[in-house]
Structures are given as structure tokens and as C-alpha cells.
């Protein structure tokens, strides 16, 4: 990654990057699976595997885990957005989603917290004149609500999954953000924590920083081809502002 002297904008993923959401996500999927008569004893480590590619994929992965799929098989689900996984009934996925969505909307902040240093990082970036935004494959209403509740105006824009725009790893949400901010792609950097984020950055033509505190550990990120991996918010600020040079 050949970074400019200082980026003009930073686009963040949400789950696993700026917010520690895995406990609420796992609780919501257990609730929905239980209501629909499925296995519902999943733990945080399962949540890390299920999420990162949107609710539809997470539910497919939970159903596949119920059928005995291993971790490698789980991560292959959702490579193509919303494509049904063999052996999993799409009507059942939709039935579980119908329970999951309102429950998560009502409980998306029970245990969720910002990761250490993120709030201060956003304030410092904005203080340095750098625009900030968040894009996520979680429902748009939850993204907007969580951005407001936890970051109190520190984002210029926040976009989640909605029917009028392609979800990640398509570049559409990033392009929309950059257009609204008036920032060229070469002057922006994308920050995430999963293979979907790597693909999103690549598809957008953006530089990418991966964090190792989210849904994928450092060794997996390296295996996925991540070139820049950080372990603290301070490292992000140094790279974005060029102060590490």
C-alpha cells in the first residue's frame, strides 16, 4: 500500500472494526433460531464465524453449522451475495430472518460497546480535517442508530444494507460515500476486519487497513492477503495522517 501523505477520508466497517457487537449478534441469532425450532446454543466464537457478510449469510451459516459444517465450509457461504447454500431452504432462512430482524433492532445495544480507542480516534481524525464514514452489511436502521448512539456525530455518513444499493463486497456503498463527501478514491482508505472488507476495498480500488481485534485473527488476515494489519487505534491514526513516516 502506497499511502498519500495524509488521507482525506476514512471509511470504516462497523461490526468487529469499530463496535464489539458479537455478543448481541450471537444472542439475536440464538433467539431467532430457537423461535424457529433450530439449534440455539451458539457461543461468541460461533458468532465470529457467522457474521461479517450480512444477516442472510449469518443465518445460512448457523443452519449449516447445525447440519455439521466445519469452519472452512462456513466461510465459503456468502461469497456470492445472498446465494442460497446447497441443502439449506431459502424459505426457512427468510422465516428466521423475520424473527431475527425486529429482535436485533430492539436489542442491538444490550452488550455492544466501542472497541478501545475508537471514539478518541474518530475525534482526532475529524480534528485533523479528515472525513469519516461507516458502511456495513447489517441493516441500515441499526447502522444509523448505533452510529448515533455510540459515536454522537463523529461520522459524516453511515450506510447499512438496504434494497436500493448493493451490499459489500460490492463497491457501491463506498462509491456513494465518496461521491457524497466529494473525495477521490485515491485519497480515501477503508478499514475492516474480515475477508468481505478486503474484497470491498479491492473492488472499490481503495487502500485497506485491517484490524486484528475483530472477527478474524491476525493469522487468518495474513492468509487472506491483508498487507496492512494494525492492533490499535493509534496505529490507524498514524497511518491515516502519515505521522508514522
C-alpha atoms as a PDB file:
ATOM      1  CA  UNK A   1       0.000   0.000   0.000  1.00  0.00           C
ATOM      2  CA  UNK A   2       1.466   3.315  -1.100  1.00  0.00           C
ATOM      3  CA  UNK A   3      -0.334   5.827   1.067  1.00  0.00           C
ATOM      4  CA  UNK A   4      -0.603   9.559   0.349  1.00  0.00           C
ATOM      5  CA  UNK A   5       0.929  11.985   2.840  1.00  0.00           C
ATOM      6  CA  UNK A   6      -2.444  12.078   4.549  1.00  0.00           C
ATOM      7  CA  UNK A   7      -5.756  10.563   3.565  1.00  0.00           C
ATOM      8  CA  UNK A   8      -8.753  12.868   3.234  1.00  0.00           C
ATOM      9  CA  UNK A   9     -11.371  10.310   4.241  1.00  0.00           C
ATOM     10  CA  UNK A  10     -11.644   7.068   6.181  1.00  0.00           C
ATOM     11  CA  UNK A  11     -14.465   4.564   5.637  1.00  0.00           C
ATOM     12  CA  UNK A  12     -14.927   2.099   8.486  1.00  0.00           C
ATOM     13  CA  UNK A  13     -16.694  -1.230   8.643  1.00  0.00           C
ATOM     14  CA  UNK A  14     -18.862  -1.481  11.777  1.00  0.00           C
ATOM     15  CA  UNK A  15     -19.083  -4.984  13.324  1.00  0.00           C
ATOM     16  CA  UNK A  16     -15.699  -6.104  14.612  1.00  0.00           C
ATOM     17  CA  UNK A  17     -13.971  -2.909  13.496  1.00  0.00           C
ATOM     18  CA  UNK A  18     -15.391  -0.003  15.487  1.00  0.00           C
ATOM     19  CA  UNK A  19     -18.026  -1.802  17.570  1.00  0.00           C
ATOM     20  CA  UNK A  20     -17.743  -5.022  19.570  1.00  0.00           C
ATOM     21  CA  UNK A  21     -21.161  -6.359  18.565  1.00  0.00           C
ATOM     22  CA  UNK A  22     -20.612 -10.113  18.636  1.00  0.00           C
ATOM     23  CA  UNK A  23     -22.455 -10.795  21.907  1.00  0.00           C
ATOM     24  CA  UNK A  24     -25.633  -9.058  20.753  1.00  0.00           C
ATOM     25  CA  UNK A  25     -25.415 -10.625  17.297  1.00  0.00           C
ATOM     26  CA  UNK A  26     -24.987 -14.107  18.742  1.00  0.00           C
ATOM     27  CA  UNK A  27     -27.820 -13.608  21.226  1.00  0.00           C
ATOM     28  CA  UNK A  28     -30.130 -12.452  18.430  1.00  0.00           C
ATOM     29  CA  UNK A  29     -29.364 -15.387  16.175  1.00  0.00           C
ATOM     30  CA  UNK A  30     -29.855 -17.814  19.082  1.00  0.00           C
ATOM     31  CA  UNK A  31     -33.221 -16.200  19.838  1.00  0.00           C
ATOM     32  CA  UNK A  32     -34.394 -16.415  16.223  1.00  0.00           C
ATOM     33  CA  UNK A  33     -33.126 -19.960  15.756  1.00  0.00           C
ATOM     34  CA  UNK A  34     -34.868 -21.072  18.975  1.00  0.00           C
ATOM     35  CA  UNK A  35     -38.159 -19.484  17.962  1.00  0.00           C
ATOM     36  CA  UNK A  36     -37.977 -21.351  14.650  1.00  0.00           C
ATOM     37  CA  UNK A  37     -37.125 -24.717  16.202  1.00  0.00           C
ATOM     38  CA  UNK A  38     -33.415 -24.888  15.429  1.00  0.00           C
ATOM     39  CA  UNK A  39     -30.197 -25.309  17.353  1.00  0.00           C
ATOM     40  CA  UNK A  40     -29.698 -22.208  19.502  1.00  0.00           C
ATOM     41  CA  UNK A  41     -26.697 -22.817  21.768  1.00  0.00           C
ATOM     42  CA  UNK A  42     -24.165 -20.874  19.729  1.00  0.00           C
ATOM     43  CA  UNK A  43     -21.394 -19.001  21.565  1.00  0.00           C
ATOM     44  CA  UNK A  44     -19.286 -15.948  20.792  1.00  0.00           C
ATOM     45  CA  UNK A  45     -16.747 -17.942  18.774  1.00  0.00           C
ATOM     46  CA  UNK A  46     -19.586 -19.115  16.521  1.00  0.00           C
ATOM     47  CA  UNK A  47     -20.793 -15.539  16.156  1.00  0.00           C
ATOM     48  CA  UNK A  48     -17.382 -14.519  14.851  1.00  0.00           C
ATOM     49  CA  UNK A  49     -17.727 -17.142  12.119  1.00  0.00           C
ATOM     50  CA  UNK A  50     -21.344 -16.463  11.251  1.00  0.00           C
ATOM     51  CA  UNK A  51     -21.224 -12.693  10.859  1.00  0.00           C
ATOM     52  CA  UNK A  52     -19.325 -10.332   8.577  1.00  0.00           C
ATOM     53  CA  UNK A  53     -21.344 -10.833   5.402  1.00  0.00           C
ATOM     54  CA  UNK A  54     -24.811  -9.750   6.484  1.00  0.00           C
ATOM     55  CA  UNK A  55     -27.741 -11.360   8.266  1.00  0.00           C
ATOM     56  CA  UNK A  56     -28.792 -13.601   5.380  1.00  0.00           C
ATOM     57  CA  UNK A  57     -25.362 -15.213   5.255  1.00  0.00           C
ATOM     58  CA  UNK A  58     -25.150 -15.434   9.066  1.00  0.00           C
ATOM     59  CA  UNK A  59     -28.378 -17.416   9.208  1.00  0.00           C
ATOM     60  CA  UNK A  60     -27.231 -19.694   6.394  1.00  0.00           C
ATOM     61  CA  UNK A  61     -24.014 -20.311   8.323  1.00  0.00           C
ATOM     62  CA  UNK A  62     -25.919 -21.071  11.539  1.00  0.00           C
ATOM     63  CA  UNK A  63     -28.103 -23.572   9.699  1.00  0.00           C
ATOM     64  CA  UNK A  64     -25.049 -25.106   8.033  1.00  0.00           C
ATOM     65  CA  UNK A  65     -23.322 -25.415  11.430  1.00  0.00           C
ATOM     66  CA  UNK A  66     -26.439 -27.177  12.692  1.00  0.00           C
ATOM     67  CA  UNK A  67     -26.004 -29.645   9.830  1.00  0.00           C
ATOM     68  CA  UNK A  68     -22.359 -30.257  10.759  1.00  0.00           C
ATOM     69  CA  UNK A  69     -20.416 -27.859   8.503  1.00  0.00           C
ATOM     70  CA  UNK A  70     -16.859 -27.053   9.625  1.00  0.00           C
ATOM     71  CA  UNK A  71     -15.323 -23.571   9.852  1.00  0.00           C
ATOM     72  CA  UNK A  72     -13.821 -23.672   6.359  1.00  0.00           C
ATOM     73  CA  UNK A  73     -17.195 -24.595   4.884  1.00  0.00           C
ATOM     74  CA  UNK A  74     -18.907 -21.835   6.853  1.00  0.00           C
ATOM     75  CA  UNK A  75     -16.623 -19.137   5.469  1.00  0.00           C
ATOM     76  CA  UNK A  76     -17.337 -20.223   1.905  1.00  0.00           C
ATOM     77  CA  UNK A  77     -21.006 -19.419   2.438  1.00  0.00           C
ATOM     78  CA  UNK A  78     -21.866 -15.906   1.327  1.00  0.00           C
ATOM     79  CA  UNK A  79     -19.042 -15.498  -1.184  1.00  0.00           C
ATOM     80  CA  UNK A  80     -21.792 -14.651  -3.649  1.00  0.00           C
ATOM     81  CA  UNK A  81     -24.217 -12.228  -2.036  1.00  0.00           C
ATOM     82  CA  UNK A  82     -27.442 -13.875  -0.849  1.00  0.00           C
ATOM     83  CA  UNK A  83     -26.897 -17.009  -2.952  1.00  0.00           C
ATOM     84  CA  UNK A  84     -28.643 -19.929  -1.210  1.00  0.00           C
ATOM     85  CA  UNK A  85     -26.292 -22.554   0.201  1.00  0.00           C
ATOM     86  CA  UNK A  86     -26.899 -26.116  -1.071  1.00  0.00           C
ATOM     87  CA  UNK A  87     -29.097 -28.079   1.302  1.00  0.00           C
ATOM     88  CA  UNK A  88     -30.455 -25.020   3.096  1.00  0.00           C
ATOM     89  CA  UNK A  89     -34.024 -23.991   2.374  1.00  0.00           C
ATOM     90  CA  UNK A  90     -34.296 -20.318   1.409  1.00  0.00           C
ATOM     91  CA  UNK A  91     -37.825 -20.083   2.781  1.00  0.00           C
ATOM     92  CA  UNK A  92     -36.510 -21.207   6.163  1.00  0.00           C
ATOM     93  CA  UNK A  93     -33.737 -18.601   6.017  1.00  0.00           C
ATOM     94  CA  UNK A  94     -36.357 -15.935   5.372  1.00  0.00           C
ATOM     95  CA  UNK A  95     -38.560 -17.234   8.218  1.00  0.00           C
ATOM     96  CA  UNK A  96     -35.668 -16.982  10.669  1.00  0.00           C
ATOM     97  CA  UNK A  97     -34.739 -13.536   9.357  1.00  0.00           C
ATOM     98  CA  UNK A  98     -38.292 -12.338  10.004  1.00  0.00           C
ATOM     99  CA  UNK A  99     -37.790 -13.191  13.690  1.00  0.00           C
ATOM    100  CA  UNK A 100     -34.191 -12.001  13.872  1.00  0.00           C
ATOM    101  CA  UNK A 101     -34.629  -8.520  12.385  1.00  0.00           C
ATOM    102  CA  UNK A 102     -37.073  -6.977  14.884  1.00  0.00           C
ATOM    103  CA  UNK A 103     -35.397  -8.714  17.821  1.00  0.00           C
ATOM    104  CA  UNK A 104     -31.946  -7.416  16.902  1.00  0.00           C
ATOM    105  CA  UNK A 105     -33.299  -3.925  16.244  1.00  0.00           C
ATOM    106  CA  UNK A 106     -34.673  -3.894  19.807  1.00  0.00           C
ATOM    107  CA  UNK A 107     -31.575  -5.473  21.391  1.00  0.00           C
ATOM    108  CA  UNK A 108     -28.645  -4.293  19.257  1.00  0.00           C
ATOM    109  CA  UNK A 109     -27.099  -2.299  22.095  1.00  0.00           C
ATOM    110  CA  UNK A 110     -27.577  -4.580  25.105  1.00  0.00           C
ATOM    111  CA  UNK A 111     -23.928  -5.647  25.266  1.00  0.00           C
ATOM    112  CA  UNK A 112     -22.373  -3.761  22.338  1.00  0.00           C
ATOM    113  CA  UNK A 113     -19.504  -1.365  23.049  1.00  0.00           C
ATOM    114  CA  UNK A 114     -16.959   0.604  21.003  1.00  0.00           C
ATOM    115  CA  UNK A 115     -13.537  -1.001  20.806  1.00  0.00           C
ATOM    116  CA  UNK A 116     -10.821   0.708  22.900  1.00  0.00           C
ATOM    117  CA  UNK A 117      -9.577   3.976  21.451  1.00  0.00           C
ATOM    118  CA  UNK A 118     -12.095   4.202  18.602  1.00  0.00           C
ATOM    119  CA  UNK A 119     -14.115   7.159  19.881  1.00  0.00           C
ATOM    120  CA  UNK A 120     -10.930   9.128  20.531  1.00  0.00           C
ATOM    121  CA  UNK A 121      -9.584   8.104  17.102  1.00  0.00           C
ATOM    122  CA  UNK A 122     -12.658   9.499  15.356  1.00  0.00           C
ATOM    123  CA  UNK A 123     -12.385  12.782  17.236  1.00  0.00           C
ATOM    124  CA  UNK A 124      -8.709  13.084  16.363  1.00  0.00           C
ATOM    125  CA  UNK A 125      -9.327  12.305  12.705  1.00  0.00           C
ATOM    126  CA  UNK A 126     -12.062  14.907  12.453  1.00  0.00           C
ATOM    127  CA  UNK A 127      -9.877  17.350  14.338  1.00  0.00           C
ATOM    128  CA  UNK A 128      -7.245  16.796  11.652  1.00  0.00           C
ATOM    129  CA  UNK A 129      -9.809  17.628   8.955  1.00  0.00           C
ATOM    130  CA  UNK A 130     -10.285  14.030   7.806  1.00  0.00           C
ATOM    131  CA  UNK A 131     -13.809  12.951   6.851  1.00  0.00           C
ATOM    132  CA  UNK A 132     -15.205   9.782   8.402  1.00  0.00           C
ATOM    133  CA  UNK A 133     -17.933   7.339   7.388  1.00  0.00           C
ATOM    134  CA  UNK A 134     -19.150   3.843   8.171  1.00  0.00           C
ATOM    135  CA  UNK A 135     -20.523   1.182   5.814  1.00  0.00           C
ATOM    136  CA  UNK A 136     -21.905  -2.140   6.963  1.00  0.00           C
ATOM    137  CA  UNK A 137     -23.853  -5.174   5.792  1.00  0.00           C
ATOM    138  CA  UNK A 138     -26.030  -5.014   8.908  1.00  0.00           C
ATOM    139  CA  UNK A 139     -29.500  -3.452   8.445  1.00  0.00           C
ATOM    140  CA  UNK A 140     -29.394   0.251   7.648  1.00  0.00           C
ATOM    141  CA  UNK A 141     -31.634   1.258  10.558  1.00  0.00           C
ATOM    142  CA  UNK A 142     -29.310  -0.489  13.027  1.00  0.00           C
ATOM    143  CA  UNK A 143     -26.206   1.064  11.462  1.00  0.00           C
ATOM    144  CA  UNK A 144     -27.629   4.578  11.676  1.00  0.00           C
ATOM    145  CA  UNK A 145     -28.896   4.036  15.219  1.00  0.00           C
ATOM    146  CA  UNK A 146     -25.649   2.559  16.519  1.00  0.00           C
ATOM    147  CA  UNK A 147     -23.554   5.270  14.848  1.00  0.00           C
ATOM    148  CA  UNK A 148     -25.671   7.927  16.550  1.00  0.00           C
ATOM    149  CA  UNK A 149     -25.830   6.193  19.932  1.00  0.00           C
ATOM    150  CA  UNK A 150     -22.137   5.381  20.288  1.00  0.00           C
ATOM    151  CA  UNK A 151     -20.326   7.992  18.235  1.00  0.00           C
ATOM    152  CA  UNK A 152     -22.502  11.103  18.632  1.00  0.00           C
ATOM    153  CA  UNK A 153     -21.932  12.858  15.324  1.00  0.00           C
ATOM    154  CA  UNK A 154     -18.380  11.680  14.712  1.00  0.00           C
ATOM    155  CA  UNK A 155     -19.354  10.181  11.328  1.00  0.00           C
ATOM    156  CA  UNK A 156     -20.219  12.312   8.329  1.00  0.00           C
ATOM    157  CA  UNK A 157     -22.226   9.418   6.864  1.00  0.00           C
ATOM    158  CA  UNK A 158     -23.401   5.951   7.896  1.00  0.00           C
ATOM    159  CA  UNK A 159     -24.901   3.399   5.498  1.00  0.00           C
ATOM    160  CA  UNK A 160     -26.115  -0.148   6.092  1.00  0.00           C
ATOM    161  CA  UNK A 161     -27.762  -2.811   3.981  1.00  0.00           C
ATOM    162  CA  UNK A 162     -30.837  -1.547   2.165  1.00  0.00           C
ATOM    163  CA  UNK A 163     -32.676  -2.580  -1.001  1.00  0.00           C
ATOM    164  CA  UNK A 164     -31.582   0.318  -3.210  1.00  0.00           C
ATOM    165  CA  UNK A 165     -27.831  -0.345  -3.078  1.00  0.00           C
ATOM    166  CA  UNK A 166     -25.654  -3.442  -3.485  1.00  0.00           C
ATOM    167  CA  UNK A 167     -24.154  -4.775  -0.264  1.00  0.00           C
ATOM    168  CA  UNK A 168     -20.477  -5.442   0.377  1.00  0.00           C
ATOM    169  CA  UNK A 169     -18.248  -6.745  -1.150  1.00  0.00           C
ATOM    170  CA  UNK A 170     -19.774  -4.728  -3.999  1.00  0.00           C
ATOM    171  CA  UNK A 171     -18.160  -1.268  -4.033  1.00  0.00           C
ATOM    172  CA  UNK A 172     -21.434   0.634  -4.351  1.00  0.00           C
ATOM    173  CA  UNK A 173     -21.727   1.853  -0.761  1.00  0.00           C
ATOM    174  CA  UNK A 174     -18.138   3.066  -0.772  1.00  0.00           C
ATOM    175  CA  UNK A 175     -18.631   4.873  -4.069  1.00  0.00           C
ATOM    176  CA  UNK A 176     -21.777   6.529  -2.723  1.00  0.00           C
ATOM    177  CA  UNK A 177     -19.929   7.689   0.390  1.00  0.00           C
ATOM    178  CA  UNK A 178     -17.036   9.109  -1.641  1.00  0.00           C
ATOM    179  CA  UNK A 179     -19.414  10.858  -4.036  1.00  0.00           C
ATOM    180  CA  UNK A 180     -21.331  12.484  -1.196  1.00  0.00           C
ATOM    181  CA  UNK A 181     -18.104  13.555   0.517  1.00  0.00           C
ATOM    182  CA  UNK A 182     -16.528  14.783  -2.720  1.00  0.00           C
ATOM    183  CA  UNK A 183     -13.424  12.649  -2.115  1.00  0.00           C
ATOM    184  CA  UNK A 184     -11.433  10.810  -4.796  1.00  0.00           C
ATOM    185  CA  UNK A 185     -10.915   7.090  -4.202  1.00  0.00           C
ATOM    186  CA  UNK A 186      -7.130   7.515  -4.119  1.00  0.00           C
ATOM    187  CA  UNK A 187      -7.483   9.899  -1.158  1.00  0.00           C
ATOM    188  CA  UNK A 188      -9.532   7.502   0.987  1.00  0.00           C
ATOM    189  CA  UNK A 189      -8.738   4.375   2.971  1.00  0.00           C
ATOM    190  CA  UNK A 190     -11.049   1.555   4.014  1.00  0.00           C
ATOM    191  CA  UNK A 191     -10.761  -0.113   7.422  1.00  0.00           C
ATOM    192  CA  UNK A 192     -12.236  -3.517   8.254  1.00  0.00           C
ATOM    193  CA  UNK A 193     -11.729  -6.901   9.870  1.00  0.00           C
ATOM    194  CA  UNK A 194     -12.915  -9.705   7.541  1.00  0.00           C
ATOM    195  CA  UNK A 195     -12.461 -11.163   4.074  1.00  0.00           C
ATOM    196  CA  UNK A 196     -15.536  -9.214   2.963  1.00  0.00           C
ATOM    197  CA  UNK A 197     -13.783  -5.976   3.879  1.00  0.00           C
ATOM    198  CA  UNK A 198     -10.657  -6.931   1.955  1.00  0.00           C
ATOM    199  CA  UNK A 199     -12.777  -7.714  -1.090  1.00  0.00           C
ATOM    200  CA  UNK A 200     -14.774  -4.496  -0.694  1.00  0.00           C
ATOM    201  CA  UNK A 201     -11.632  -2.366  -0.614  1.00  0.00           C
ATOM    202  CA  UNK A 202     -10.206  -4.199  -3.620  1.00  0.00           C
ATOM    203  CA  UNK A 203     -13.430  -3.823  -5.598  1.00  0.00           C
ATOM    204  CA  UNK A 204     -13.517  -0.112  -4.807  1.00  0.00           C
ATOM    205  CA  UNK A 205      -9.845   0.402  -5.675  1.00  0.00           C
ATOM    206  CA  UNK A 206      -9.139   1.723  -2.179  1.00  0.00           C
ATOM    207  CA  UNK A 207      -6.210   1.252   0.135  1.00  0.00           C
ATOM    208  CA  UNK A 208      -7.093  -1.014   3.050  1.00  0.00           C
ATOM    209  CA  UNK A 209      -6.154  -1.325   6.715  1.00  0.00           C
ATOM    210  CA  UNK A 210      -7.233  -4.454   8.593  1.00  0.00           C
ATOM    211  CA  UNK A 211      -7.667  -4.622  12.373  1.00  0.00           C
ATOM    212  CA  UNK A 212      -6.769  -7.756  14.330  1.00  0.00           C
ATOM    213  CA  UNK A 213      -9.275  -7.287  17.182  1.00  0.00           C
ATOM    214  CA  UNK A 214     -12.379  -8.196  15.176  1.00  0.00           C
ATOM    215  CA  UNK A 215     -13.972 -11.284  13.659  1.00  0.00           C
ATOM    216  CA  UNK A 216     -10.775 -12.670  12.088  1.00  0.00           C
ATOM    217  CA  UNK A 217      -7.434 -13.152  13.913  1.00  0.00           C
ATOM    218  CA  UNK A 218      -4.144 -11.909  12.504  1.00  0.00           C
ATOM    219  CA  UNK A 219      -3.049 -15.255  11.076  1.00  0.00           C
ATOM    220  CA  UNK A 220      -6.267 -15.565   9.080  1.00  0.00           C
ATOM    221  CA  UNK A 221      -5.973 -11.991   7.847  1.00  0.00           C
ATOM    222  CA  UNK A 222      -2.446 -12.680   6.609  1.00  0.00           C
ATOM    223  CA  UNK A 223      -3.629 -15.871   4.900  1.00  0.00           C
ATOM    224  CA  UNK A 224      -6.339 -13.824   3.187  1.00  0.00           C
ATOM    225  CA  UNK A 225      -3.695 -11.494   1.784  1.00  0.00           C
ATOM    226  CA  UNK A 226      -4.004  -8.500   4.091  1.00  0.00           C
ATOM    227  CA  UNK A 227      -0.978  -6.241   3.633  1.00  0.00           C
ATOM    228  CA  UNK A 228      -1.554  -3.759   6.466  1.00  0.00           C
ATOM    229  CA  UNK A 229      -2.762  -5.109   9.826  1.00  0.00           C
ATOM    230  CA  UNK A 230      -2.978  -2.994  12.974  1.00  0.00           C
ATOM    231  CA  UNK A 231      -3.507  -3.790  16.647  1.00  0.00           C
ATOM    232  CA  UNK A 232      -4.517  -0.366  17.995  1.00  0.00           C
ATOM    233  CA  UNK A 233      -6.467   2.755  17.131  1.00  0.00           C
ATOM    234  CA  UNK A 234      -3.256   4.779  17.490  1.00  0.00           C
ATOM    235  CA  UNK A 235      -1.718   2.802  14.624  1.00  0.00           C
ATOM    236  CA  UNK A 236      -4.688   3.716  12.426  1.00  0.00           C
ATOM    237  CA  UNK A 237      -4.250   7.411  13.184  1.00  0.00           C
ATOM    238  CA  UNK A 238      -0.541   7.251  12.407  1.00  0.00           C
ATOM    239  CA  UNK A 239      -1.115   5.591   9.027  1.00  0.00           C
ATOM    240  CA  UNK A 240      -4.058   7.782   8.023  1.00  0.00           C
ATOM    241  CA  UNK A 241      -2.302  11.041   8.862  1.00  0.00           C
ATOM    242  CA  UNK A 242       1.107   9.940   7.620  1.00  0.00           C
ATOM    243  CA  UNK A 243       2.677  10.558  11.023  1.00  0.00           C
ATOM    244  CA  UNK A 244       4.234   7.062  11.053  1.00  0.00           C
ATOM    245  CA  UNK A 245       6.627   8.080   8.266  1.00  0.00           C
END
